[in-house]
Protein backbone atom coordinates (compact mmCIF):
# COMPACT_ATOMS: atom_id res chain seq x y z
CA MET A 1 -16.58 4.33 10.57
CA THR A 2 -18.22 5.23 13.75
CA SER A 3 -17.22 8.32 15.93
CA ALA A 4 -17.08 6.34 19.34
CA GLN A 5 -14.25 4.23 18.47
CA ILE A 6 -12.18 2.24 20.94
CA CYS A 7 -8.47 2.40 20.31
CA PRO A 8 -7.26 -1.30 20.05
CA PRO A 9 -5.38 -3.03 22.62
CA LEU A 10 -1.78 -2.78 22.61
CA SER A 11 -0.95 -6.39 21.13
CA VAL A 12 -2.68 -5.29 18.04
CA HIS A 13 -0.73 -2.30 17.48
CA LYS A 14 2.60 -4.51 18.27
CA LEU A 15 1.81 -6.82 15.49
CA HIS A 16 1.34 -4.09 13.11
CA ALA A 17 4.43 -2.83 14.05
CA THR A 18 6.11 -6.01 13.56
CA LYS A 19 4.86 -6.03 10.16
CA LEU A 20 5.82 -2.49 9.20
CA GLN A 21 9.54 -3.41 10.66
CA LYS A 22 9.85 -6.36 8.70
CA ASN A 23 8.12 -5.91 5.41
CA LEU A 24 9.52 -2.26 4.68
CA GLY A 25 12.86 -3.12 6.35
CA LEU A 26 12.36 -0.39 9.02
CA LYS A 27 13.78 0.25 12.50
CA ARG A 28 11.69 -0.69 15.24
CA SER A 29 11.42 2.66 16.54
CA THR A 30 10.04 4.19 13.10
CA ALA A 31 7.34 1.38 12.63
CA CYS A 32 6.25 2.07 16.23
CA THR A 33 6.30 5.80 15.61
CA ILE A 34 4.17 5.33 12.43
CA VAL A 35 1.61 3.26 13.84
CA ALA A 36 1.07 5.76 16.52
CA HIS A 37 0.72 8.46 13.88
CA ILE A 38 -2.12 5.95 12.30
CA SER A 39 -3.70 6.35 15.31
CA GLY A 40 -3.62 9.91 15.97
CA CYS A 41 -0.82 9.79 18.61
CA LEU A 42 2.59 11.51 18.59
CA ASP A 43 4.37 8.72 19.87
CA TRP A 44 4.43 5.02 21.16
CA PRO A 45 4.09 5.87 24.85
CA GLN A 46 0.92 8.39 24.28
CA LEU A 47 -0.58 5.38 21.80
CA ARG A 48 -0.10 2.91 24.65
CA GLU A 49 -2.03 5.30 26.91
CA MET A 50 -4.86 5.53 24.37
CA CYS A 51 -5.17 1.77 24.31
CA GLY A 52 -8.56 0.37 25.33
CA LYS A 53 -10.08 4.14 25.63
CA PRO A 54 -12.43 5.95 23.11
CA PHE A 55 -10.20 7.75 20.19
CA ASP A 56 -10.65 9.60 17.30
CA PRO A 57 -8.12 8.70 14.97
CA PRO A 58 -7.28 11.30 11.69
CA SER A 59 -10.00 11.58 9.34
CA SER A 60 -7.60 11.28 6.47
CA GLN A 61 -6.55 7.91 7.08
CA ILE A 62 -8.32 4.53 7.16
CA PRO A 63 -7.39 3.01 10.34
CA LEU A 64 -6.76 -0.66 10.14
CA TYR A 65 -9.25 -1.56 12.91
CA PHE A 66 -12.45 0.30 13.12
CA LEU A 67 -15.23 -2.09 12.29
CA GLU A 68 -18.21 -3.13 14.56
CA THR A 69 -17.73 -6.88 15.46
CA SER A 70 -21.14 -7.60 13.89
CA VAL A 71 -19.77 -6.37 10.75
CA ILE A 72 -16.77 -8.72 10.74
CA ASP A 73 -18.83 -11.56 12.06
CA LYS A 74 -21.02 -11.26 8.70
CA PHE A 75 -17.77 -10.80 6.60
CA TRP A 76 -16.41 -14.47 8.06
CA ARG A 77 -19.94 -16.00 7.73
CA LEU A 78 -19.89 -15.19 3.93
CA VAL A 79 -16.17 -16.71 3.92
CA ASP A 80 -17.40 -19.95 5.25
CA LYS A 81 -20.64 -19.76 3.09
CA TYR A 82 -18.22 -19.74 -0.06
CA GLN A 83 -15.14 -21.40 1.52
CA ALA A 84 -14.92 -24.32 -1.19
CA GLU A 85 -14.92 -21.68 -4.12
CA LEU A 86 -12.21 -19.50 -2.37
CA GLU A 87 -10.02 -22.69 -1.94
CA LYS A 88 -10.89 -23.51 -5.41
CA ALA A 89 -9.47 -19.95 -6.40
CA TYR A 90 -6.38 -20.33 -4.10
CA ASN A 91 -3.15 -21.24 -5.43
CA PRO A 92 -0.07 -21.23 -3.04
CA SER A 93 2.17 -20.82 -5.97
CA ILE A 94 1.18 -17.49 -7.01
CA HIS A 95 -0.82 -16.17 -4.07
CA LEU A 96 1.67 -14.19 -2.00
CA PRO A 97 1.98 -14.59 1.60
CA ASP A 98 0.27 -11.27 2.16
CA ASN A 99 -2.44 -11.63 -0.68
CA LEU A 100 -5.87 -11.18 1.04
CA LEU A 101 -7.23 -14.77 -0.62
CA ALA A 102 -4.22 -16.33 1.09
CA PHE A 103 -5.55 -14.48 4.43
CA VAL A 104 -8.88 -15.89 4.35
CA VAL A 105 -8.30 -19.38 3.19
CA ASN A 106 -5.95 -19.93 5.65
CA LYS A 107 -8.41 -17.97 8.46
CA LYS A 108 -5.43 -15.58 9.48
CA VAL A 109 -8.23 -13.12 10.87
CA ASN A 110 -6.01 -10.42 12.58
CA ALA A 111 -3.96 -10.27 9.31
CA VAL A 112 -7.18 -8.91 7.04
CA GLY A 113 -7.61 -5.04 7.45
CA HIS A 114 -10.95 -3.93 8.33
CA ASP A 115 -10.65 -1.54 5.11
CA GLN A 116 -10.57 -4.53 3.20
CA ILE A 117 -13.64 -6.35 4.71
CA ASP A 118 -15.32 -2.73 4.16
CA LYS A 119 -14.23 -2.75 0.83
CA VAL A 120 -15.66 -6.46 0.04
CA LEU A 121 -18.93 -6.13 1.86
CA TRP A 122 -19.65 -2.19 0.12
CA GLU A 123 -19.60 -4.00 -3.26
CA PHE A 124 -21.20 -7.28 -2.55
CA ASP A 125 -24.77 -7.95 -2.26
CA GLU A 126 -25.61 -10.93 -0.11
CA LYS A 127 -29.09 -11.69 -1.57
CA SER A 128 -28.22 -11.50 -5.21
CA GLY A 129 -24.38 -11.86 -4.95
CA THR A 130 -22.75 -15.28 -6.25
CA SER A 131 -19.98 -17.58 -5.27
CA GLU A 132 -17.80 -15.98 -8.38
CA ARG A 133 -18.75 -12.37 -7.31
CA PHE A 134 -17.53 -12.87 -3.67
CA VAL A 135 -14.17 -14.38 -4.81
CA GLY A 136 -13.78 -11.25 -7.30
CA GLN A 137 -14.27 -9.19 -4.46
CA ILE A 138 -11.82 -10.60 -2.67
CA CYS A 139 -9.24 -10.34 -5.44
CA CYS A 140 -10.58 -6.48 -6.04
CA ALA A 141 -9.50 -5.64 -2.18
CA ASP A 142 -6.12 -6.98 -2.25
CA ASN A 143 -3.17 -4.67 -1.70
CA THR A 144 -0.47 -6.80 -3.62
CA ALA A 145 1.03 -6.87 -6.99
CA TYR A 146 -1.11 -10.15 -7.59
CA LYS A 147 -4.17 -7.57 -7.53
CA VAL A 148 -2.56 -6.06 -10.59
CA LEU A 149 -2.45 -9.25 -12.61
CA LYS A 150 -6.06 -9.83 -11.97
CA ASN A 151 -7.05 -6.42 -13.05
CA GLU A 152 -8.31 -8.20 -16.02
CA MET A 153 -11.23 -10.23 -14.51
CA LYS A 154 -14.70 -9.94 -15.46
CA GLY A 155 -16.45 -6.82 -14.30
CA TRP A 156 -13.26 -4.47 -14.61
CA GLU A 157 -14.08 -2.71 -17.58
CA LEU A 158 -11.08 -1.46 -19.09
CA GLU A 159 -10.58 0.69 -22.15
CA THR A 160 -6.82 -0.05 -22.69
CA PRO A 161 -5.17 -3.02 -24.29
CA ASP A 162 -5.07 -6.08 -22.19
CA TYR A 163 -1.70 -5.86 -21.63
CA ILE A 164 -1.91 -2.66 -19.64
CA LYS A 165 -3.25 -2.59 -16.54
CA ASN A 166 -4.12 0.31 -13.96
CA PRO A 167 -5.56 -0.32 -10.48
CA TRP A 168 -5.00 1.47 -7.54
CA LEU A 169 -3.33 -0.04 -4.41
CA ASP A 170 -4.36 1.54 -1.56
CA ASN A 171 -2.87 -0.11 1.56
CA ALA A 172 -3.96 1.08 4.88
CA THR A 173 -1.63 -1.35 6.65
CA TYR A 174 1.41 0.56 5.06
CA GLN A 175 -0.63 3.73 4.76
CA GLN A 176 0.35 4.03 1.08
CA ASN A 177 -1.40 5.28 -2.02
CA PHE A 178 -0.34 4.08 -5.35
CA TYR A 179 -1.55 4.52 -8.69
CA ALA A 180 0.17 3.18 -11.68
CA TYR A 181 0.01 1.92 -15.17
CA TYR A 182 1.24 -1.50 -15.80
CA TYR A 183 2.93 -2.22 -18.98
CA PHE A 184 3.39 -6.27 -19.08
CA ASP A 185 5.66 -7.74 -22.12
CA ASN A 186 6.19 -11.34 -21.35
CA THR A 187 8.21 -11.65 -18.22
CA LYS A 188 8.91 -7.60 -17.89
CA VAL A 189 6.47 -5.32 -16.29
CA LEU A 190 6.86 -1.28 -16.89
CA ILE A 191 5.27 0.71 -13.99
CA LYS A 192 4.52 3.93 -14.67
CA VAL A 193 3.50 5.68 -11.42
CA ARG A 194 1.53 8.90 -11.90
CA GLU A 195 0.45 9.17 -8.13
CA TRP A 196 2.34 7.92 -5.02
CA ASP A 197 1.81 9.27 -1.53
CA SER A 198 0.94 8.52 1.96
CA GLY A 199 -1.62 10.04 3.94
CA ILE A 200 0.48 10.05 7.29
CA GLU A 201 0.31 13.28 9.05
CA ILE A 202 2.03 14.55 12.32
CA PRO A 203 -1.07 14.51 14.95
CA ASN A 204 -2.69 17.53 15.76
CA SER A 205 -0.69 19.41 13.44
CA LYS A 206 -2.05 18.31 9.98
CA THR A 207 1.72 18.47 8.57
CA SER A 208 2.99 15.87 6.34
CA VAL A 209 5.79 13.41 7.36
CA VAL A 210 7.87 14.33 4.07
CA ASN A 211 10.60 15.90 6.06
CA LYS A 212 10.79 13.29 8.65
CA LYS A 213 14.02 11.49 8.97
CA TRP A 214 12.63 8.15 8.31
CA PHE A 215 10.18 9.21 5.31
CA VAL A 216 12.76 8.07 2.86
CA ASP A 217 13.55 4.79 4.36
CA TYR A 218 9.50 4.18 4.64
CA MET A 219 8.69 5.11 0.97
CA VAL A 220 11.53 3.10 -0.46
CA GLY A 221 10.56 0.35 1.69
CA TYR A 222 7.02 -0.12 0.05
CA VAL A 223 8.70 0.22 -3.56
CA ASN A 224 11.28 -2.66 -2.39
CA MET A 225 8.18 -4.71 -1.08
CA LEU A 226 6.39 -3.98 -4.30
CA ALA A 227 9.03 -4.93 -6.35
CA LYS A 228 9.96 -7.81 -4.40
CA GLU A 229 6.41 -9.13 -4.92
CA PHE A 230 6.61 -8.68 -8.77
CA VAL A 231 9.63 -10.73 -8.81
CA SER A 232 8.34 -13.38 -6.66
CA LEU A 233 5.41 -13.82 -9.12
CA GLY A 234 8.05 -14.16 -12.11
CA TYR A 235 8.21 -10.68 -13.37
CA GLN A 236 11.28 -8.09 -13.62
CA PRO A 237 9.71 -4.62 -12.57
CA THR A 238 10.90 -1.24 -13.93
CA PHE A 239 9.41 1.70 -12.27
CA GLU A 240 9.10 4.96 -13.70
CA PHE A 241 8.09 7.73 -11.23
CA PHE A 242 6.41 11.30 -12.28
CA LYS A 243 4.79 12.53 -9.43
CA ILE A 244 5.24 12.10 -5.40
CA GLN A 245 3.42 13.40 -2.52
CA ASN A 246 1.54 15.69 -4.99
CA VAL A 247 4.68 17.05 -6.49
CA PHE A 248 5.60 16.54 -10.29
CA LEU A 249 9.09 15.61 -10.31
CA PRO A 250 9.74 17.89 -13.18
CA ASN A 251 8.91 20.95 -10.90
CA LEU A 252 11.51 19.82 -8.38
CA THR A 253 14.26 22.67 -8.17
CA SER A 254 17.37 23.55 -6.16
CA GLU A 255 15.15 24.89 -3.65
CA PHE A 256 14.19 21.67 -2.59
CA LYS A 257 17.67 20.80 -1.49
CA ASP A 258 17.18 23.08 1.32
CA GLU A 259 16.20 21.06 4.34
CA ASN A 260 14.06 23.80 5.71
CA HIS A 261 11.90 23.38 2.41
CA PRO A 262 8.42 21.98 3.43
CA LYS A 263 9.05 19.09 0.98
CA HIS A 264 12.79 18.84 0.92
CA GLY A 265 12.17 15.14 1.73
CA ILE A 266 10.76 14.61 -1.79
CA HIS A 267 14.19 15.39 -3.13
CA SER A 268 16.07 12.94 -0.60
CA LEU A 269 13.32 10.17 -2.10
CA VAL A 270 14.21 11.03 -5.46
CA GLU A 271 18.06 10.83 -4.92
CA LYS A 272 17.39 7.81 -2.82
CA LEU A 273 15.42 6.01 -5.76
CA LEU A 274 18.16 7.00 -8.36
CA ALA A 275 20.94 5.35 -6.23
CA ILE A 276 18.90 1.90 -6.13
CA ASN A 277 20.30 1.54 -9.92
CA GLY A 278 17.78 4.43 -11.15
CA GLN A 279 18.30 6.58 -14.47
CA GLU A 280 16.47 9.30 -15.76
CA VAL A 281 13.86 8.40 -18.44
CA GLY A 282 14.99 9.21 -21.77
CA GLY A 283 18.49 9.89 -20.22
CA VAL A 284 17.64 13.71 -19.48
CA PRO A 285 19.99 14.79 -16.41
CA TYR A 286 18.02 14.87 -12.83
CA SER A 287 18.16 18.73 -12.77
CA LYS A 288 16.75 19.05 -16.34
CA ILE A 289 13.84 16.89 -16.15
CA THR A 290 11.34 17.97 -18.46
CA GLU A 291 7.53 17.96 -18.10
CA ASP A 292 7.06 14.77 -19.34
CA LYS A 293 9.86 12.83 -17.75
CA GLY A 294 10.59 11.15 -14.73
CA ILE A 295 13.00 8.58 -13.07
CA LYS A 296 13.22 4.98 -13.69
CA VAL A 297 14.27 2.50 -11.21
CA SER A 298 14.69 -1.18 -12.38
CA PHE A 299 14.62 -4.48 -10.00
CA THR A 300 16.02 -7.60 -10.59
CA LYS A 301 15.61 -11.12 -9.16
CA ASP A 302 19.21 -11.26 -8.44
CA MET A 303 18.42 -8.16 -6.03
CA TYR A 304 16.49 -10.48 -3.56
CA ARG A 305 18.68 -13.60 -3.34
């Protein structure tokens, strides 16, 4: 990433906001605010003024668009080189619409995040790399539930049983960082979430957006989207959450209920998750969650008919 970046045109930001609005079920105004924050702006009008000018997005975030044209061209040249192998690996019945391999095979250039291109090129040596390796790196840079299923691919050296997967899902488009252990049992998958947070901050303040009114809908929208992805792949997902925004859920106390608490939004998020059809792990009352407990939320295909 260079320091002399140019803020993308407004049309790019509008497409980004539309994706957030549609896939996370957010209000248009909320989606626009999030896109503005990602670019280091307080609101949409400020972002609109910034378009086409040099800007310095927050260092704690990975902008969706930041690579030099030469780097992007190199990526798509490699895609052309390995097009036959990519198409052979692509299966529209199992590759989700937002899957990176689907974007690449269908040449949806503007849908591929620059962070994903960066990950692929960082791990791939053009001189010694093979077509199999390139396809593998495309799968590694994916941010959908499909990446979890591909976690058994050659080169991923896990010290866990075959039915347990644990990749990070780092998504610059949604600004979500999601780390979990996935336990597969036939058509069911238990997802034990050990780390879940968003790096979005209020520009110029380094303050988390955790207490913003839209924070809960934004976070729940991401989990709902991820659950829907697993359902579309034929699995019934159940999530167990243990740590959110660097807060261990067992440490939640009555103090978090106070709207003036700096992380009140975590309490509100947990309440919203429980309301989805959630329950405490082990049947322990929410107010008495112990150190090794969390909350459990189940999703079924009936929820997405």
